[in-house]
């Protein structure tokens, strides 16, 4: 999972921005490989509290409108669901991403001495 828009932010700063209203958003879209229907999700975008997710959803909105209606019977249903998420601002995956970030973030503890040299 690739997360965009968090470059230069620490985990503490990300948590603070989430508490202020920031969120992690993913946009579902449909890919057609006839006769198969592939339901995909975009990269995850970090949306800051003062930012709108609309500019990120435009690409996936047009993608769903243009190429996702090609096969039947399930593509129109999947496409409508994807369009709903694109129009309403994306699928909120904040809790999942924060859990993943917290699990994979090494915490430095200065009280633990990793290398102890005893020269006596």
PDB file of N, CA and C in Angstrom:
ATOM      1  N   UNK A   1       0.848  -1.171   0.000  1.00  0.00           N
ATOM      2  CA  UNK A   1       0.000   0.000   0.000  1.00  0.00           C
ATOM      3  C   UNK A   1       0.893   1.234   0.000  1.00  0.00           C
ATOM      4  N   UNK A   2       0.730   2.079  -0.971  1.00  0.00           N
ATOM      5  CA  UNK A   2       1.497   3.309  -1.068  1.00  0.00           C
ATOM      6  C   UNK A   2       0.642   4.459  -0.552  1.00  0.00           C
ATOM      7  N   UNK A   3       1.235   5.272   0.316  1.00  0.00           N
ATOM      8  CA  UNK A   3       0.521   6.413   0.887  1.00  0.00           C
ATOM      9  C   UNK A   3       1.152   7.687   0.344  1.00  0.00           C
ATOM     10  N   UNK A   4       0.334   8.515  -0.252  1.00  0.00           N
ATOM     11  CA  UNK A   4       0.802   9.761  -0.846  1.00  0.00           C
ATOM     12  C   UNK A   4       0.477  10.940   0.063  1.00  0.00           C
ATOM     13  N   UNK A   5       1.241  11.991  -0.028  1.00  0.00           N
ATOM     14  CA  UNK A   5       1.059  13.256   0.694  1.00  0.00           C
ATOM     15  C   UNK A   5       1.486  13.205   2.158  1.00  0.00           C
ATOM     16  N   UNK A   6       2.339  12.260   2.551  1.00  0.00           N
ATOM     17  CA  UNK A   6       2.842  12.271   3.929  1.00  0.00           C
ATOM     18  C   UNK A   6       4.351  12.493   3.971  1.00  0.00           C
ATOM     19  N   UNK A   7       4.914  12.955   2.881  1.00  0.00           N
ATOM     20  CA  UNK A   7       6.346  13.147   2.817  1.00  0.00           C
ATOM     21  C   UNK A   7       6.773  14.191   3.855  1.00  0.00           C
ATOM     22  N   UNK A   8       7.777  13.850   4.655  1.00  0.00           N
ATOM     23  CA  UNK A   8       8.326  14.774   5.640  1.00  0.00           C
ATOM     24  C   UNK A   8       7.565  14.842   6.947  1.00  0.00           C
ATOM     25  N   UNK A   9       6.498  14.075   7.099  1.00  0.00           N
ATOM     26  CA  UNK A   9       5.718  14.092   8.332  1.00  0.00           C
ATOM     27  C   UNK A   9       6.114  12.919   9.223  1.00  0.00           C
ATOM     28  N   UNK A  10       6.197  13.170  10.517  1.00  0.00           N
ATOM     29  CA  UNK A  10       6.436  12.089  11.470  1.00  0.00           C
ATOM     30  C   UNK A  10       5.092  11.475  11.852  1.00  0.00           C
ATOM     31  N   UNK A  11       5.145  10.346  12.519  1.00  0.00           N
ATOM     32  CA  UNK A  11       3.915   9.686  12.957  1.00  0.00           C
ATOM     33  C   UNK A  11       3.148  10.580  13.926  1.00  0.00           C
ATOM     34  N   UNK A  12       3.865  11.279  14.802  1.00  0.00           N
ATOM     35  CA  UNK A  12       3.216  12.195  15.744  1.00  0.00           C
ATOM     36  C   UNK A  12       2.474  13.307  15.002  1.00  0.00           C
ATOM     37  N   UNK A  13       3.103  13.888  13.982  1.00  0.00           N
ATOM     38  CA  UNK A  13       2.467  14.952  13.207  1.00  0.00           C
ATOM     39  C   UNK A  13       1.249  14.435  12.449  1.00  0.00           C
ATOM     40  N   UNK A  14       1.347  13.226  11.921  1.00  0.00           N
ATOM     41  CA  UNK A  14       0.204  12.633  11.220  1.00  0.00           C
ATOM     42  C   UNK A  14      -0.964  12.445  12.171  1.00  0.00           C
ATOM     43  N   UNK A  15      -0.681  11.928  13.375  1.00  0.00           N
ATOM     44  CA  UNK A  15      -1.756  11.735  14.362  1.00  0.00           C
ATOM     45  C   UNK A  15      -2.386  13.065  14.753  1.00  0.00           C
ATOM     46  N   UNK A  16      -1.578  14.099  14.905  1.00  0.00           N
ATOM     47  CA  UNK A  16      -2.110  15.416  15.245  1.00  0.00           C
ATOM     48  C   UNK A  16      -3.001  15.954  14.122  1.00  0.00           C
ATOM     49  N   UNK A  17      -2.583  15.775  12.883  1.00  0.00           N
ATOM     50  CA  UNK A  17      -3.394  16.228  11.750  1.00  0.00           C
ATOM     51  C   UNK A  17      -4.692  15.438  11.639  1.00  0.00           C
ATOM     52  N   UNK A  18      -4.654  14.158  11.962  1.00  0.00           N
ATOM     53  CA  UNK A  18      -5.879  13.346  11.947  1.00  0.00           C
ATOM     54  C   UNK A  18      -6.831  13.823  13.032  1.00  0.00           C
ATOM     55  N   UNK A  19      -6.297  14.167  14.211  1.00  0.00           N
ATOM     56  CA  UNK A  19      -7.150  14.688  15.279  1.00  0.00           C
ATOM     57  C   UNK A  19      -7.785  16.028  14.896  1.00  0.00           C
ATOM     58  N   UNK A  20      -7.127  16.789  14.033  1.00  0.00           N
ATOM     59  CA  UNK A  20      -7.655  18.069  13.579  1.00  0.00           C
ATOM     60  C   UNK A  20      -8.627  17.919  12.407  1.00  0.00           C
ATOM     61  N   UNK A  21      -8.764  16.706  11.876  1.00  0.00           N
ATOM     62  CA  UNK A  21      -9.713  16.474  10.782  1.00  0.00           C
ATOM     63  C   UNK A  21      -9.103  15.876   9.536  1.00  0.00           C
ATOM     64  N   UNK A  22      -7.822  15.571   9.551  1.00  0.00           N
ATOM     65  CA  UNK A  22      -7.195  14.926   8.407  1.00  0.00           C
ATOM     66  C   UNK A  22      -7.674  13.485   8.270  1.00  0.00           C
ATOM     67  N   UNK A  23      -7.539  12.931   7.082  1.00  0.00           N
ATOM     68  CA  UNK A  23      -7.986  11.546   6.878  1.00  0.00           C
ATOM     69  C   UNK A  23      -7.218  10.910   5.736  1.00  0.00           C
ATOM     70  N   UNK A  24      -7.241   9.596   5.722  1.00  0.00           N
ATOM     71  CA  UNK A  24      -6.645   8.818   4.638  1.00  0.00           C
ATOM     72  C   UNK A  24      -7.781   8.319   3.763  1.00  0.00           C
ATOM     73  N   UNK A  25      -7.652   8.559   2.462  1.00  0.00           N
ATOM     74  CA  UNK A  25      -8.724   8.264   1.514  1.00  0.00           C
ATOM     75  C   UNK A  25      -8.195   7.368   0.399  1.00  0.00           C
ATOM     76  N   UNK A  26      -9.026   6.420  -0.010  1.00  0.00           N
ATOM     77  CA  UNK A  26      -8.737   5.571  -1.158  1.00  0.00           C
ATOM     78  C   UNK A  26      -9.925   5.654  -2.111  1.00  0.00           C
ATOM     79  N   UNK A  27      -9.655   5.556  -3.402  1.00  0.00           N
ATOM     80  CA  UNK A  27     -10.708   5.669  -4.410  1.00  0.00           C
ATOM     81  C   UNK A  27     -10.835   4.344  -5.161  1.00  0.00           C
ATOM     82  N   UNK A  28     -11.995   3.682  -5.061  1.00  0.00           N
ATOM     83  CA  UNK A  28     -12.194   2.443  -5.813  1.00  0.00           C
ATOM     84  C   UNK A  28     -12.458   2.737  -7.291  1.00  0.00           C
ATOM     85  N   UNK A  29     -12.020   1.816  -8.136  1.00  0.00           N
ATOM     86  CA  UNK A  29     -12.310   1.923  -9.560  1.00  0.00           C
ATOM     87  C   UNK A  29     -12.406   0.519 -10.146  1.00  0.00           C
ATOM     88  N   UNK A  30     -12.971   0.436 -11.335  1.00  0.00           N
ATOM     89  CA  UNK A  30     -13.206  -0.835 -12.008  1.00  0.00           C
ATOM     90  C   UNK A  30     -12.301  -0.914 -13.229  1.00  0.00           C
ATOM     91  N   UNK A  31     -11.599  -2.028 -13.363  1.00  0.00           N
ATOM     92  CA  UNK A  31     -10.763  -2.271 -14.544  1.00  0.00           C
ATOM     93  C   UNK A  31     -11.375  -3.424 -15.331  1.00  0.00           C
ATOM     94  N   UNK A  32     -11.468  -3.262 -16.632  1.00  0.00           N
ATOM     95  CA  UNK A  32     -12.086  -4.276 -17.476  1.00  0.00           C
ATOM     96  C   UNK A  32     -11.045  -5.077 -18.226  1.00  0.00           C
ATOM     97  N   UNK A  33     -11.096  -6.369 -18.026  1.00  0.00           N
ATOM     98  CA  UNK A  33     -10.333  -7.318 -18.828  1.00  0.00           C
ATOM     99  C   UNK A  33     -11.359  -8.366 -19.230  1.00  0.00           C
ATOM    100  N   UNK A  34     -11.922  -8.175 -20.419  1.00  0.00           N
ATOM    101  CA  UNK A  34     -13.059  -8.998 -20.816  1.00  0.00           C
ATOM    102  C   UNK A  34     -12.694 -10.468 -20.757  1.00  0.00           C
ATOM    103  N   UNK A  35     -13.469 -11.308 -20.149  1.00  0.00           N
ATOM    104  CA  UNK A  35     -14.772 -11.144 -19.520  1.00  0.00           C
ATOM    105  C   UNK A  35     -14.698 -10.899 -18.015  1.00  0.00           C
ATOM    106  N   UNK A  36     -13.520 -10.602 -17.482  1.00  0.00           N
ATOM    107  CA  UNK A  36     -13.384 -10.435 -16.037  1.00  0.00           C
ATOM    108  C   UNK A  36     -13.587  -8.984 -15.615  1.00  0.00           C
ATOM    109  N   UNK A  37     -14.058  -8.853 -14.391  1.00  0.00           N
ATOM    110  CA  UNK A  37     -14.211  -7.549 -13.764  1.00  0.00           C
ATOM    111  C   UNK A  37     -13.234  -7.478 -12.604  1.00  0.00           C
ATOM    112  N   UNK A  38     -12.366  -6.485 -12.629  1.00  0.00           N
ATOM    113  CA  UNK A  38     -11.387  -6.322 -11.566  1.00  0.00           C
ATOM    114  C   UNK A  38     -11.727  -5.076 -10.760  1.00  0.00           C
ATOM    115  N   UNK A  39     -12.056  -5.289  -9.501  1.00  0.00           N
ATOM    116  CA  UNK A  39     -12.311  -4.157  -8.608  1.00  0.00           C
ATOM    117  C   UNK A  39     -10.980  -3.783  -7.970  1.00  0.00           C
ATOM    118  N   UNK A  40     -10.557  -2.559  -8.169  1.00  0.00           N
ATOM    119  CA  UNK A  40      -9.262  -2.086  -7.688  1.00  0.00           C
ATOM    120  C   UNK A  40      -9.462  -0.893  -6.770  1.00  0.00           C
ATOM    121  N   UNK A  41      -8.412  -0.570  -6.029  1.00  0.00           N
ATOM    122  CA  UNK A  41      -8.407   0.637  -5.202  1.00  0.00           C
ATOM    123  C   UNK A  41      -7.153   1.432  -5.534  1.00  0.00           C
ATOM    124  N   UNK A  42      -7.285   2.720  -5.489  1.00  0.00           N
ATOM    125  CA  UNK A  42      -6.154   3.593  -5.795  1.00  0.00           C
ATOM    126  C   UNK A  42      -5.152   3.569  -4.652  1.00  0.00           C
ATOM    127  N   UNK A  43      -4.046   4.267  -4.846  1.00  0.00           N
ATOM    128  CA  UNK A  43      -3.146   4.512  -3.728  1.00  0.00           C
ATOM    129  C   UNK A  43      -3.905   5.289  -2.666  1.00  0.00           C
ATOM    130  N   UNK A  44      -3.414   5.254  -1.465  1.00  0.00           N
ATOM    131  CA  UNK A  44      -4.057   5.972  -0.379  1.00  0.00           C
ATOM    132  C   UNK A  44      -3.502   7.396  -0.336  1.00  0.00           C
ATOM    133  N   UNK A  45      -4.393   8.349  -0.224  1.00  0.00           N
ATOM    134  CA  UNK A  45      -4.020   9.760  -0.164  1.00  0.00           C
ATOM    135  C   UNK A  45      -4.269  10.287   1.240  1.00  0.00           C
ATOM    136  N   UNK A  46      -3.315  11.050   1.763  1.00  0.00           N
ATOM    137  CA  UNK A  46      -3.543  11.728   3.035  1.00  0.00           C
ATOM    138  C   UNK A  46      -4.120  13.099   2.729  1.00  0.00           C
ATOM    139  N   UNK A  47      -5.313  13.351   3.242  1.00  0.00           N
ATOM    140  CA  UNK A  47      -6.001  14.613   3.027  1.00  0.00           C
ATOM    141  C   UNK A  47      -5.871  15.432   4.309  1.00  0.00           C
ATOM    142  N   UNK A  48      -5.224  16.561   4.215  1.00  0.00           N
ATOM    143  CA  UNK A  48      -5.027  17.426   5.382  1.00  0.00           C
ATOM    144  C   UNK A  48      -6.353  18.078   5.785  1.00  0.00           C
ATOM    145  N   UNK A  49      -6.434  18.571   7.024  1.00  0.00           N
ATOM    146  CA  UNK A  49      -7.719  19.107   7.513  1.00  0.00           C
ATOM    147  C   UNK A  49      -8.310  20.223   6.652  1.00  0.00           C
ATOM    148  N   UNK A  50      -7.484  21.077   6.077  1.00  0.00           N
ATOM    149  CA  UNK A  50      -7.999  22.206   5.293  1.00  0.00           C
ATOM    150  C   UNK A  50      -8.139  21.876   3.811  1.00  0.00           C
ATOM    151  N   UNK A  51      -7.842  20.647   3.431  1.00  0.00           N
ATOM    152  CA  UNK A  51      -7.806  20.241   2.028  1.00  0.00           C
ATOM    153  C   UNK A  51      -9.067  19.461   1.649  1.00  0.00           C
ATOM    154  N   UNK A  52      -9.424  19.512   0.368  1.00  0.00           N
ATOM    155  CA  UNK A  52     -10.554  18.747  -0.153  1.00  0.00           C
ATOM    156  C   UNK A  52     -10.034  17.558  -0.964  1.00  0.00           C
ATOM    157  N   UNK A  53     -10.761  16.461  -0.917  1.00  0.00           N
ATOM    158  CA  UNK A  53     -10.346  15.272  -1.678  1.00  0.00           C
ATOM    159  C   UNK A  53     -10.869  15.289  -3.110  1.00  0.00           C
ATOM    160  N   UNK A  54     -11.583  16.333  -3.487  1.00  0.00           N
ATOM    161  CA  UNK A  54     -12.203  16.386  -4.807  1.00  0.00           C
ATOM    162  C   UNK A  54     -11.170  16.340  -5.929  1.00  0.00           C
ATOM    163  N   UNK A  55     -10.059  17.054  -5.776  1.00  0.00           N
ATOM    164  CA  UNK A  55      -9.061  17.079  -6.850  1.00  0.00           C
ATOM    165  C   UNK A  55      -8.431  15.711  -7.085  1.00  0.00           C
ATOM    166  N   UNK A  56      -8.383  14.871  -6.064  1.00  0.00           N
ATOM    167  CA  UNK A  56      -7.846  13.522  -6.230  1.00  0.00           C
ATOM    168  C   UNK A  56      -8.889  12.579  -6.826  1.00  0.00           C
ATOM    169  N   UNK A  57     -10.155  12.844  -6.551  1.00  0.00           N
ATOM    170  CA  UNK A  57     -11.207  11.941  -7.026  1.00  0.00           C
ATOM    171  C   UNK A  57     -11.552  12.149  -8.500  1.00  0.00           C
ATOM    172  N   UNK A  58     -11.197  13.276  -9.083  1.00  0.00           N
ATOM    173  CA  UNK A  58     -11.566  13.555 -10.474  1.00  0.00           C
ATOM    174  C   UNK A  58     -11.038  12.507 -11.449  1.00  0.00           C
ATOM    175  N   UNK A  59      -9.780  12.118 -11.302  1.00  0.00           N
ATOM    176  CA  UNK A  59      -9.194  11.128 -12.210  1.00  0.00           C
ATOM    177  C   UNK A  59      -9.968   9.818 -12.152  1.00  0.00           C
ATOM    178  N   UNK A  60     -10.274   9.349 -10.954  1.00  0.00           N
ATOM    179  CA  UNK A  60     -10.968   8.071 -10.800  1.00  0.00           C
ATOM    180  C   UNK A  60     -12.435   8.184 -11.206  1.00  0.00           C
ATOM    181  N   UNK A  61     -13.018   9.344 -11.048  1.00  0.00           N
ATOM    182  CA  UNK A  61     -14.382   9.576 -11.507  1.00  0.00           C
ATOM    183  C   UNK A  61     -14.456   9.440 -13.033  1.00  0.00           C
ATOM    184  N   UNK A  62     -13.541  10.103 -13.728  1.00  0.00           N
ATOM    185  CA  UNK A  62     -13.532   9.996 -15.196  1.00  0.00           C
ATOM    186  C   UNK A  62     -13.128   8.598 -15.665  1.00  0.00           C
ATOM    187  N   UNK A  63     -12.245   7.950 -14.942  1.00  0.00           N
ATOM    188  CA  UNK A  63     -11.859   6.580 -15.280  1.00  0.00           C
ATOM    189  C   UNK A  63     -13.069   5.655 -15.192  1.00  0.00           C
ATOM    190  N   UNK A  64     -13.833   5.770 -14.124  1.00  0.00           N
ATOM    191  CA  UNK A  64     -15.024   4.933 -13.971  1.00  0.00           C
ATOM    192  C   UNK A  64     -16.090   5.259 -15.008  1.00  0.00           C
ATOM    193  N   UNK A  65     -16.248   6.514 -15.338  1.00  0.00           N
ATOM    194  CA  UNK A  65     -17.261   6.896 -16.322  1.00  0.00           C
ATOM    195  C   UNK A  65     -16.891   6.464 -17.735  1.00  0.00           C
ATOM    196  N   UNK A  66     -15.606   6.390 -18.025  1.00  0.00           N
ATOM    197  CA  UNK A  66     -15.206   6.123 -19.407  1.00  0.00           C
ATOM    198  C   UNK A  66     -15.051   4.639 -19.740  1.00  0.00           C
ATOM    199  N   UNK A  67     -14.354   3.856 -18.926  1.00  0.00           N
ATOM    200  CA  UNK A  67     -14.030   2.495 -19.358  1.00  0.00           C
ATOM    201  C   UNK A  67     -14.633   1.379 -18.510  1.00  0.00           C
ATOM    202  N   UNK A  68     -15.374   1.709 -17.490  1.00  0.00           N
ATOM    203  CA  UNK A  68     -15.813   0.633 -16.601  1.00  0.00           C
ATOM    204  C   UNK A  68     -17.168   0.039 -16.959  1.00  0.00           C
ATOM    205  N   UNK A  69     -17.824   0.499 -17.998  1.00  0.00           N
ATOM    206  CA  UNK A  69     -19.151   0.004 -18.357  1.00  0.00           C
ATOM    207  C   UNK A  69     -19.114  -1.067 -19.453  1.00  0.00           C
ATOM    208  N   UNK A  70     -17.977  -1.644 -19.739  1.00  0.00           N
ATOM    209  CA  UNK A  70     -17.836  -2.448 -20.949  1.00  0.00           C
ATOM    210  C   UNK A  70     -18.465  -3.838 -20.916  1.00  0.00           C
ATOM    211  N   UNK A  71     -18.564  -4.481 -19.787  1.00  0.00           N
ATOM    212  CA  UNK A  71     -19.088  -5.850 -19.763  1.00  0.00           C
ATOM    213  C   UNK A  71     -20.277  -5.955 -18.811  1.00  0.00           C
ATOM    214  N   UNK A  72     -21.091  -6.933 -19.062  1.00  0.00           N
ATOM    215  CA  UNK A  72     -22.275  -7.183 -18.245  1.00  0.00           C
ATOM    216  C   UNK A  72     -22.098  -8.505 -17.516  1.00  0.00           C
ATOM    217  N   UNK A  73     -22.797  -8.818 -16.515  1.00  0.00           N
ATOM    218  CA  UNK A  73     -23.924  -8.134 -15.899  1.00  0.00           C
ATOM    219  C   UNK A  73     -23.540  -7.275 -14.696  1.00  0.00           C
ATOM    220  N   UNK A  74     -22.327  -7.460 -14.115  1.00  0.00           N
ATOM    221  CA  UNK A  74     -22.029  -6.816 -12.831  1.00  0.00           C
ATOM    222  C   UNK A  74     -21.329  -5.476 -12.932  1.00  0.00           C
ATOM    223  N   UNK A  75     -20.780  -5.146 -14.058  1.00  0.00           N
ATOM    224  CA  UNK A  75     -20.003  -3.901 -14.142  1.00  0.00           C
ATOM    225  C   UNK A  75     -20.809  -2.645 -13.859  1.00  0.00           C
ATOM    226  N   UNK A  76     -22.032  -2.520 -14.349  1.00  0.00           N
ATOM    227  CA  UNK A  76     -22.780  -1.306 -14.000  1.00  0.00           C
ATOM    228  C   UNK A  76     -23.009  -1.165 -12.490  1.00  0.00           C
ATOM    229  N   UNK A  77     -23.226  -2.269 -11.815  1.00  0.00           N
ATOM    230  CA  UNK A  77     -23.445  -2.211 -10.369  1.00  0.00           C
ATOM    231  C   UNK A  77     -22.158  -1.817  -9.661  1.00  0.00           C
ATOM    232  N   UNK A  78     -21.046  -2.443 -10.012  1.00  0.00           N
ATOM    233  CA  UNK A  78     -19.755  -2.100  -9.423  1.00  0.00           C
ATOM    234  C   UNK A  78     -19.369  -0.660  -9.745  1.00  0.00           C
ATOM    235  N   UNK A  79     -19.670  -0.242 -10.953  1.00  0.00           N
ATOM    236  CA  UNK A  79     -19.336   1.117 -11.368  1.00  0.00           C
ATOM    237  C   UNK A  79     -20.139   2.149 -10.578  1.00  0.00           C
ATOM    238  N   UNK A  80     -21.406   1.902 -10.371  1.00  0.00           N
ATOM    239  CA  UNK A  80     -22.227   2.830  -9.588  1.00  0.00           C
ATOM    240  C   UNK A  80     -21.710   2.955  -8.157  1.00  0.00           C
ATOM    241  N   UNK A  81     -21.292   1.843  -7.581  1.00  0.00           N
ATOM    242  CA  UNK A  81     -20.739   1.883  -6.229  1.00  0.00           C
ATOM    243  C   UNK A  81     -19.434   2.678  -6.209  1.00  0.00           C
ATOM    244  N   UNK A  82     -18.592   2.468  -7.198  1.00  0.00           N
ATOM    245  CA  UNK A  82     -17.341   3.225  -7.283  1.00  0.00           C
ATOM    246  C   UNK A  82     -17.603   4.701  -7.510  1.00  0.00           C
ATOM    247  N   UNK A  83     -18.569   5.015  -8.371  1.00  0.00           N
ATOM    248  CA  UNK A  83     -18.924   6.408  -8.618  1.00  0.00           C
ATOM    249  C   UNK A  83     -19.448   7.088  -7.355  1.00  0.00           C
ATOM    250  N   UNK A  84     -20.198   6.349  -6.562  1.00  0.00           N
ATOM    251  CA  UNK A  84     -20.691   6.897  -5.301  1.00  0.00           C
ATOM    252  C   UNK A  84     -19.523   7.319  -4.416  1.00  0.00           C
ATOM    253  N   UNK A  85     -18.517   6.440  -4.275  1.00  0.00           N
ATOM    254  CA  UNK A  85     -17.359   6.788  -3.455  1.00  0.00           C
ATOM    255  C   UNK A  85     -16.578   7.961  -4.056  1.00  0.00           C
ATOM    256  N   UNK A  86     -16.452   8.009  -5.373  1.00  0.00           N
ATOM    257  CA  UNK A  86     -15.715   9.089  -6.017  1.00  0.00           C
ATOM    258  C   UNK A  86     -16.411  10.434  -5.826  1.00  0.00           C
ATOM    259  N   UNK A  87     -17.721  10.436  -5.934  1.00  0.00           N
ATOM    260  CA  UNK A  87     -18.476  11.683  -5.801  1.00  0.00           C
ATOM    261  C   UNK A  87     -18.517  12.154  -4.347  1.00  0.00           C
ATOM    262  N   UNK A  88     -18.606  11.227  -3.408  1.00  0.00           N
ATOM    263  CA  UNK A  88     -18.699  11.607  -1.993  1.00  0.00           C
ATOM    264  C   UNK A  88     -17.342  11.848  -1.346  1.00  0.00           C
ATOM    265  N   UNK A  89     -16.266  11.753  -2.100  1.00  0.00           N
ATOM    266  CA  UNK A  89     -14.961  12.116  -1.552  1.00  0.00           C
ATOM    267  C   UNK A  89     -14.044  10.956  -1.254  1.00  0.00           C
ATOM    268  N   UNK A  90     -14.375   9.759  -1.667  1.00  0.00           N
ATOM    269  CA  UNK A  90     -13.501   8.611  -1.481  1.00  0.00           C
ATOM    270  C   UNK A  90     -13.899   7.759  -0.292  1.00  0.00           C
ATOM    271  N   UNK A  91     -13.220   6.648  -0.178  1.00  0.00           N
ATOM    272  CA  UNK A  91     -13.484   5.695   0.903  1.00  0.00           C
ATOM    273  C   UNK A  91     -12.500   5.971   2.033  1.00  0.00           C
ATOM    274  N   UNK A  92     -13.005   6.255   3.208  1.00  0.00           N
ATOM    275  CA  UNK A  92     -12.171   6.604   4.354  1.00  0.00           C
ATOM    276  C   UNK A  92     -11.527   5.343   4.930  1.00  0.00           C
ATOM    277  N   UNK A  93     -10.195   5.292   4.880  1.00  0.00           N
ATOM    278  CA  UNK A  93      -9.444   4.144   5.401  1.00  0.00           C
ATOM    279  C   UNK A  93      -8.482   4.583   6.507  1.00  0.00           C
ATOM    280  N   UNK A  94      -8.852   5.640   7.232  1.00  0.00           N
ATOM    281  CA  UNK A  94      -7.973   6.249   8.227  1.00  0.00           C
ATOM    282  C   UNK A  94      -7.599   5.276   9.332  1.00  0.00           C
ATOM    283  N   UNK A  95      -8.565   4.572   9.877  1.00  0.00           N
ATOM    284  CA  UNK A  95      -8.270   3.673  11.000  1.00  0.00           C
ATOM    285  C   UNK A  95      -7.321   2.547  10.592  1.00  0.00           C
ATOM    286  N   UNK A  96      -7.521   1.993   9.405  1.00  0.00           N
ATOM    287  CA  UNK A  96      -6.642   0.917   8.932  1.00  0.00           C
ATOM    288  C   UNK A  96      -5.219   1.413   8.720  1.00  0.00           C
ATOM    289  N   UNK A  97      -5.080   2.593   8.122  1.00  0.00           N
ATOM    290  CA  UNK A  97      -3.742   3.131   7.839  1.00  0.00           C
ATOM    291  C   UNK A  97      -3.027   3.501   9.123  1.00  0.00           C
ATOM    292  N   UNK A  98      -3.729   4.119  10.064  1.00  0.00           N
ATOM    293  CA  UNK A  98      -3.088   4.470  11.333  1.00  0.00           C
ATOM    294  C   UNK A  98      -2.635   3.233  12.095  1.00  0.00           C
ATOM    295  N   UNK A  99      -3.438   2.190  12.072  1.00  0.00           N
ATOM    296  CA  UNK A  99      -3.037   0.941  12.733  1.00  0.00           C
ATOM    297  C   UNK A  99      -1.786   0.369  12.077  1.00  0.00           C
ATOM    298  N   UNK A 100      -1.739   0.405  10.747  1.00  0.00           N
ATOM    299  CA  UNK A 100      -0.569  -0.098  10.014  1.00  0.00           C
ATOM    300  C   UNK A 100       0.669   0.747  10.303  1.00  0.00           C
ATOM    301  N   UNK A 101       0.504   2.067  10.320  1.00  0.00           N
ATOM    302  CA  UNK A 101       1.640   2.953  10.595  1.00  0.00           C
ATOM    303  C   UNK A 101       2.166   2.754  12.017  1.00  0.00           C
ATOM    304  N   UNK A 102       1.268   2.600  12.979  1.00  0.00           N
ATOM    305  CA  UNK A 102       1.686   2.405  14.376  1.00  0.00           C
ATOM    306  C   UNK A 102       2.386   1.063  14.563  1.00  0.00           C
ATOM    307  N   UNK A 103       1.933   0.037  13.856  1.00  0.00           N
ATOM    308  CA  UNK A 103       2.560  -1.277  13.975  1.00  0.00           C
ATOM    309  C   UNK A 103       3.950  -1.312  13.366  1.00  0.00           C
ATOM    310  N   UNK A 104       4.174  -0.533  12.322  1.00  0.00           N
ATOM    311  CA  UNK A 104       5.447  -0.585  11.608  1.00  0.00           C
ATOM    312  C   UNK A 104       6.383   0.567  11.926  1.00  0.00           C
ATOM    313  N   UNK A 105       6.061   1.372  12.919  1.00  0.00           N
ATOM    314  CA  UNK A 105       6.904   2.510  13.262  1.00  0.00           C
ATOM    315  C   UNK A 105       7.814   2.129  14.428  1.00  0.00           C
ATOM    316  N   UNK A 106       9.111   2.016  14.200  1.00  0.00           N
ATOM    317  CA  UNK A 106      10.009   1.695  15.302  1.00  0.00           C
ATOM    318  C   UNK A 106      10.127   2.881  16.255  1.00  0.00           C
ATOM    319  N   UNK A 107      10.066   2.600  17.522  1.00  0.00           N
ATOM    320  CA  UNK A 107      10.152   3.643  18.536  1.00  0.00           C
ATOM    321  C   UNK A 107      11.535   3.604  19.146  1.00  0.00           C
ATOM    322  N   UNK A 108      12.178   4.729  19.174  1.00  0.00           N
ATOM    323  CA  UNK A 108      13.507   4.819  19.763  1.00  0.00           C
ATOM    324  C   UNK A 108      13.368   5.095  21.251  1.00  0.00           C
ATOM    325  N   UNK A 109      13.991   4.275  22.058  1.00  0.00           N
ATOM    326  CA  UNK A 109      13.997   4.447  23.499  1.00  0.00           C
ATOM    327  C   UNK A 109      15.436   4.702  23.935  1.00  0.00           C
ATOM    328  N   UNK A 110      15.756   5.917  24.388  1.00  0.00           N
ATOM    329  CA  UNK A 110      17.139   6.218  24.743  1.00  0.00           C
ATOM    330  C   UNK A 110      17.607   5.510  26.015  1.00  0.00           C
ATOM    331  N   UNK A 111      16.690   4.957  26.793  1.00  0.00           N
ATOM    332  CA  UNK A 111      17.090   4.262  28.024  1.00  0.00           C
ATOM    333  C   UNK A 111      17.663   2.878  27.749  1.00  0.00           C
ATOM    334  N   UNK A 112      17.408   2.346  26.566  1.00  0.00           N
ATOM    335  CA  UNK A 112      17.924   1.029  26.210  1.00  0.00           C
ATOM    336  C   UNK A 112      19.250   1.233  25.490  1.00  0.00           C
ATOM    337  N   UNK A 113      20.274   0.610  25.982  1.00  0.00           N
ATOM    338  CA  UNK A 113      21.594   0.728  25.350  1.00  0.00           C
ATOM    339  C   UNK A 113      21.795  -0.481  24.450  1.00  0.00           C
ATOM    340  N   UNK A 114      21.743  -0.245  23.160  1.00  0.00           N
ATOM    341  CA  UNK A 114      21.836  -1.330  22.197  1.00  0.00           C
ATOM    342  C   UNK A 114      23.251  -1.879  22.096  1.00  0.00           C
ATOM    343  N   UNK A 115      24.219  -1.005  22.168  1.00  0.00           N
ATOM    344  CA  UNK A 115      25.618  -1.430  22.114  1.00  0.00           C
ATOM    345  C   UNK A 115      26.283  -1.022  23.421  1.00  0.00           C
ATOM    346  N   UNK A 116      26.662  -1.984  24.173  1.00  0.00           N
ATOM    347  CA  UNK A 116      27.314  -1.705  25.448  1.00  0.00           C
ATOM    348  C   UNK A 116      28.719  -2.252  25.378  1.00  0.00           C
ATOM    349  N   UNK A 117      29.668  -1.375  25.473  1.00  0.00           N
ATOM    350  CA  UNK A 117      31.072  -1.770  25.405  1.00  0.00           C
ATOM    351  C   UNK A 117      31.623  -1.844  26.811  1.00  0.00           C
ATOM    352  N   UNK A 118      32.111  -2.966  27.165  1.00  0.00           N
ATOM    353  CA  UNK A 118      32.719  -3.120  28.477  1.00  0.00           C
ATOM    354  C   UNK A 118      34.223  -3.262  28.274  1.00  0.00           C
ATOM    355  N   UNK A 119      34.957  -2.220  28.582  1.00  0.00           N
ATOM    356  CA  UNK A 119      36.388  -2.208  28.354  1.00  0.00           C
ATOM    357  C   UNK A 119      37.175  -2.611  29.594  1.00  0.00           C
ATOM    358  N   UNK A 120      36.530  -2.969  30.676  1.00  0.00           N
ATOM    359  CA  UNK A 120      37.260  -3.312  31.903  1.00  0.00           C
ATOM    360  C   UNK A 120      37.793  -4.719  31.877  1.00  0.00           C
TER     361      UNK A 120
END
